[in-house]
Amino acid sequence: MIAAGVNARALTTYMGHSSITTTYDRYGHLMPGNEDEAAALLDAYLERSNTRARLAALDAPS
């Protein structure tokens, strides 16, 4: 199911786990992505946010 792209919340339900923590503790190592990918995604998000803030500041009346 993980390889098919089923999200962790749905997987929790299908597996009958009482919490998503149980699912992550048991199957987290099989989930796609890793720390490097997560860091790159966060960096890209923050850069986009920073760019939007700078553009908004330029458009603001002085």
C-alpha atoms as a PDB file:
ATOM      1  CA  MET A   1       0.000   0.000   0.000  1.00  0.00           C
ATOM      2  CA  ILE A   2       2.852   2.385   0.787  1.00  0.00           C
ATOM      3  CA  ALA A   3       4.498   1.651  -2.563  1.00  0.00           C
ATOM      4  CA  ALA A   4       1.144   2.314  -4.239  1.00  0.00           C
ATOM      5  CA  GLY A   5       1.076   5.783  -2.675  1.00  0.00           C
ATOM      6  CA  VAL A   6      -1.590   5.276  -0.002  1.00  0.00           C
ATOM      7  CA  ASN A   7      -1.190   8.054   2.550  1.00  0.00           C
ATOM      8  CA  ALA A   8      -0.344   7.293   6.166  1.00  0.00           C
ATOM      9  CA  ARG A   9      -3.769   8.287   7.507  1.00  0.00           C
ATOM     10  CA  ALA A  10      -5.575   5.870   5.206  1.00  0.00           C
ATOM     11  CA  LEU A  11      -2.982   3.207   5.937  1.00  0.00           C
ATOM     12  CA  THR A  12      -3.673   3.622   9.661  1.00  0.00           C
ATOM     13  CA  THR A  13      -7.348   2.930   9.050  1.00  0.00           C
ATOM     14  CA  TYR A  14      -6.751  -0.045   6.767  1.00  0.00           C
ATOM     15  CA  MET A  15      -4.255  -1.605   9.184  1.00  0.00           C
ATOM     16  CA  GLY A  16      -6.605  -1.120  12.140  1.00  0.00           C
ATOM     17  CA  HIS A  17      -4.102   0.902  14.136  1.00  0.00           C
ATOM     18  CA  SER A  18      -5.508   3.031  16.927  1.00  0.00           C
ATOM     19  CA  SER A  19      -3.204   5.918  16.047  1.00  0.00           C
ATOM     20  CA  ILE A  20      -1.063   7.144  13.198  1.00  0.00           C
ATOM     21  CA  THR A  21       1.902   6.993  15.560  1.00  0.00           C
ATOM     22  CA  THR A  22       1.633   3.224  15.562  1.00  0.00           C
ATOM     23  CA  THR A  23       1.650   3.207  11.768  1.00  0.00           C
ATOM     24  CA  TYR A  24       4.714   5.464  11.551  1.00  0.00           C
ATOM     25  CA  ASP A  25       6.543   3.527  14.250  1.00  0.00           C
ATOM     26  CA  ARG A  26       5.891   0.261  12.433  1.00  0.00           C
ATOM     27  CA  TYR A  27       6.152   1.300   8.759  1.00  0.00           C
ATOM     28  CA  GLY A  28       7.842   4.721   8.759  1.00  0.00           C
ATOM     29  CA  HIS A  29      11.071   3.339   7.351  1.00  0.00           C
ATOM     30  CA  LEU A  30       9.133   2.298   4.244  1.00  0.00           C
ATOM     31  CA  MET A  31       7.611   5.733   3.636  1.00  0.00           C
ATOM     32  CA  PRO A  32       8.999   7.643   0.672  1.00  0.00           C
ATOM     33  CA  GLY A  33      11.356  10.535   1.221  1.00  0.00           C
ATOM     34  CA  ASN A  34      14.169  11.107   3.637  1.00  0.00           C
ATOM     35  CA  GLU A  35      15.710  13.871   5.695  1.00  0.00           C
ATOM     36  CA  ASP A  36      17.623  15.346   2.746  1.00  0.00           C
ATOM     37  CA  GLU A  37      14.472  15.500   0.634  1.00  0.00           C
ATOM     38  CA  ALA A  38      12.505  17.032   3.514  1.00  0.00           C
ATOM     39  CA  ALA A  39      15.186  19.686   4.036  1.00  0.00           C
ATOM     40  CA  ALA A  40      15.215  20.541   0.322  1.00  0.00           C
ATOM     41  CA  LEU A  41      11.411  20.840   0.256  1.00  0.00           C
ATOM     42  CA  LEU A  42      11.444  23.133   3.297  1.00  0.00           C
ATOM     43  CA  ASP A  43      14.228  25.273   1.816  1.00  0.00           C
ATOM     44  CA  ALA A  44      12.275  25.681  -1.430  1.00  0.00           C
ATOM     45  CA  TYR A  45       9.099  26.596   0.468  1.00  0.00           C
ATOM     46  CA  LEU A  46      10.887  29.192   2.581  1.00  0.00           C
ATOM     47  CA  GLU A  47      12.556  30.699  -0.490  1.00  0.00           C
ATOM     48  CA  ARG A  48       9.175  31.052  -2.230  1.00  0.00           C
ATOM     49  CA  SER A  49       7.687  32.622   0.903  1.00  0.00           C
ATOM     50  CA  ASN A  50      10.604  35.030   1.214  1.00  0.00           C
ATOM     51  CA  THR A  51      10.301  36.003  -2.448  1.00  0.00           C
ATOM     52  CA  ARG A  52       6.564  36.693  -2.073  1.00  0.00           C
ATOM     53  CA  ALA A  53       7.217  38.830   1.017  1.00  0.00           C
ATOM     54  CA  ARG A  54       9.889  40.866  -0.795  1.00  0.00           C
ATOM     55  CA  LEU A  55       7.605  41.390  -3.796  1.00  0.00           C
ATOM     56  CA  ALA A  56       4.747  42.469  -1.541  1.00  0.00           C
ATOM     57  CA  ALA A  57       7.044  44.968   0.188  1.00  0.00           C
ATOM     58  CA  LEU A  58       7.982  46.471  -3.192  1.00  0.00           C
ATOM     59  CA  ASP A  59       4.313  46.844  -4.133  1.00  0.00           C
ATOM     60  CA  ALA A  60       3.337  48.420  -0.796  1.00  0.00           C
ATOM     61  CA  PRO A  61       2.742  52.168  -0.847  1.00  0.00           C
ATOM     62  CA  SER A  62       5.492  54.138   0.871  1.00  0.00           C
END
